[in-house]
Structures are given as C-alpha cells and as structure tokens.
Amino acid sequence: MTKSITLNIEQRENFLQLHNKLQRAVRYMEECKEVNLSDVGVMEQLVCALHTDLKFSPKKEKESDGAMWWEDYVLGEDSRAYKNA
C-alpha cells in the first residue's frame, strides 16, 4: 500500500527556494573548499522544512517517552516516533 503526502504550492515554492540556496552553497563549498556560516543556516532551514512538511519525527525514548532529537528521525507514523500531543 502506498501512502502519499500532498504539498501545497507554498510548500513547493519554499522547497524550491531552499533547494536553490542549498545548490548555491554546495557549489561554493566545492569551488572554494570552505563553508560560510550562512550556508549552515540554509541547511538548518531545509532540515526543518523537510521534517515539518514531510512529517518526519524524532524517535521516542524508551524509558521516558521523551524525544531523542539527536538521533536519526523516522516517519511520523512509525511506532518508534515521538508523538508531540
């Protein structure tokens, strides 16, 4: 069974803008062999947009049911996902 997520035009435009910023940052890093802090900010924005719009969640801790923000994320519907209710 295939599940899908629908993105509205504003989300798609946001991803396009972030894609273009990331592409410029990667080209700069490749050419100059250095990283600007503003490029790190672009990457943080993209990570935030990805986990928000594509419904990625951190894993929940087994002992406390808190979120393990430092671990790899899982799909929001995964049984291991932290539910922020």
Protein backbone atom coordinates (compact mmCIF):
# COMPACT_ATOMS: atom_id res chain seq x y z
CA MET A 1 0.00 0.00 0.00
CA THR A 2 1.36 3.39 -0.99
CA LYS A 3 0.81 6.40 1.24
CA SER A 4 1.25 9.89 -0.12
CA ILE A 5 1.71 13.39 1.21
CA THR A 6 0.31 16.33 -0.68
CA LEU A 7 2.27 19.55 -0.71
CA ASN A 8 0.56 22.85 -1.44
CA ILE A 9 2.06 25.41 -3.80
CA GLU A 10 3.54 27.48 -0.94
CA GLN A 11 5.37 24.42 0.41
CA ARG A 12 6.65 23.54 -3.06
CA GLU A 13 7.85 27.11 -3.61
CA ASN A 14 9.58 27.04 -0.21
CA PHE A 15 11.33 23.77 -1.12
CA LEU A 16 12.36 25.25 -4.45
CA GLN A 17 13.81 28.33 -2.77
CA LEU A 18 15.67 26.18 -0.22
CA HIS A 19 16.87 23.83 -2.99
CA ASN A 20 18.34 26.74 -4.93
CA LYS A 21 20.04 28.17 -1.82
CA LEU A 22 21.46 24.76 -0.97
CA GLN A 23 22.65 24.25 -4.53
CA ARG A 24 24.49 27.61 -4.45
CA ALA A 25 26.03 26.71 -1.07
CA VAL A 26 27.22 23.32 -2.32
CA ARG A 27 28.74 24.88 -5.44
CA TYR A 28 30.56 27.43 -3.27
CA MET A 29 31.86 24.68 -0.97
CA GLU A 30 33.05 22.65 -3.94
CA GLU A 31 34.80 25.58 -5.60
CA CYS A 32 36.27 27.30 -2.56
CA LYS A 33 36.70 24.33 -0.22
CA GLU A 34 35.21 26.28 2.68
CA VAL A 35 31.86 26.75 4.40
CA ASN A 36 30.14 30.00 5.30
CA LEU A 37 28.04 30.10 8.46
CA SER A 38 25.14 31.45 6.40
CA ASP A 39 25.26 28.20 4.42
CA VAL A 40 24.86 26.25 7.66
CA GLY A 41 21.73 28.32 8.31
CA VAL A 42 20.36 27.34 4.88
CA MET A 43 20.93 23.68 5.70
CA GLU A 44 19.13 24.09 9.04
CA GLN A 45 16.16 25.70 7.25
CA LEU A 46 15.99 22.83 4.80
CA VAL A 47 16.14 20.20 7.55
CA CYS A 48 13.32 21.99 9.38
CA ALA A 49 11.17 22.19 6.23
CA LEU A 50 11.80 18.52 5.45
CA HIS A 51 10.79 17.20 8.85
CA THR A 52 7.83 19.55 9.16
CA ASP A 53 6.29 19.24 5.69
CA LEU A 54 7.18 15.58 5.11
CA LYS A 55 6.17 14.60 8.65
CA PHE A 56 9.44 13.18 9.95
CA SER A 57 9.67 12.72 13.73
CA PRO A 58 12.43 12.06 16.22
CA LYS A 59 12.39 8.67 17.88
CA LYS A 60 10.87 8.49 21.35
CA GLU A 61 12.94 7.47 24.35
CA LYS A 62 12.00 4.07 25.71
CA GLU A 63 12.28 4.99 29.39
CA SER A 64 10.68 8.43 29.46
CA ASP A 65 8.73 8.71 26.18
CA GLY A 66 10.60 11.96 25.53
CA ALA A 67 12.03 12.85 22.11
CA MET A 68 15.54 11.83 21.05
CA TRP A 69 16.22 14.94 18.92
CA TRP A 70 19.87 13.94 18.37
CA GLU A 71 19.04 10.58 16.75
CA ASP A 72 18.01 9.88 13.16
CA TYR A 73 14.36 10.73 12.55
CA VAL A 74 11.69 8.25 11.46
CA LEU A 75 8.41 8.63 9.60
CA GLY A 76 5.74 10.25 11.77
CA GLU A 77 3.50 7.20 11.56
CA ASP A 78 6.29 4.85 12.71
CA SER A 79 5.62 3.19 16.08
CA ARG A 80 9.03 4.46 17.28
CA ALA A 81 8.13 8.09 16.51
CA TYR A 82 7.76 10.64 19.28
CA LYS A 83 4.21 11.98 19.31
CA ASN A 84 4.10 15.60 20.42
CA ALA A 85 0.49 15.72 21.58
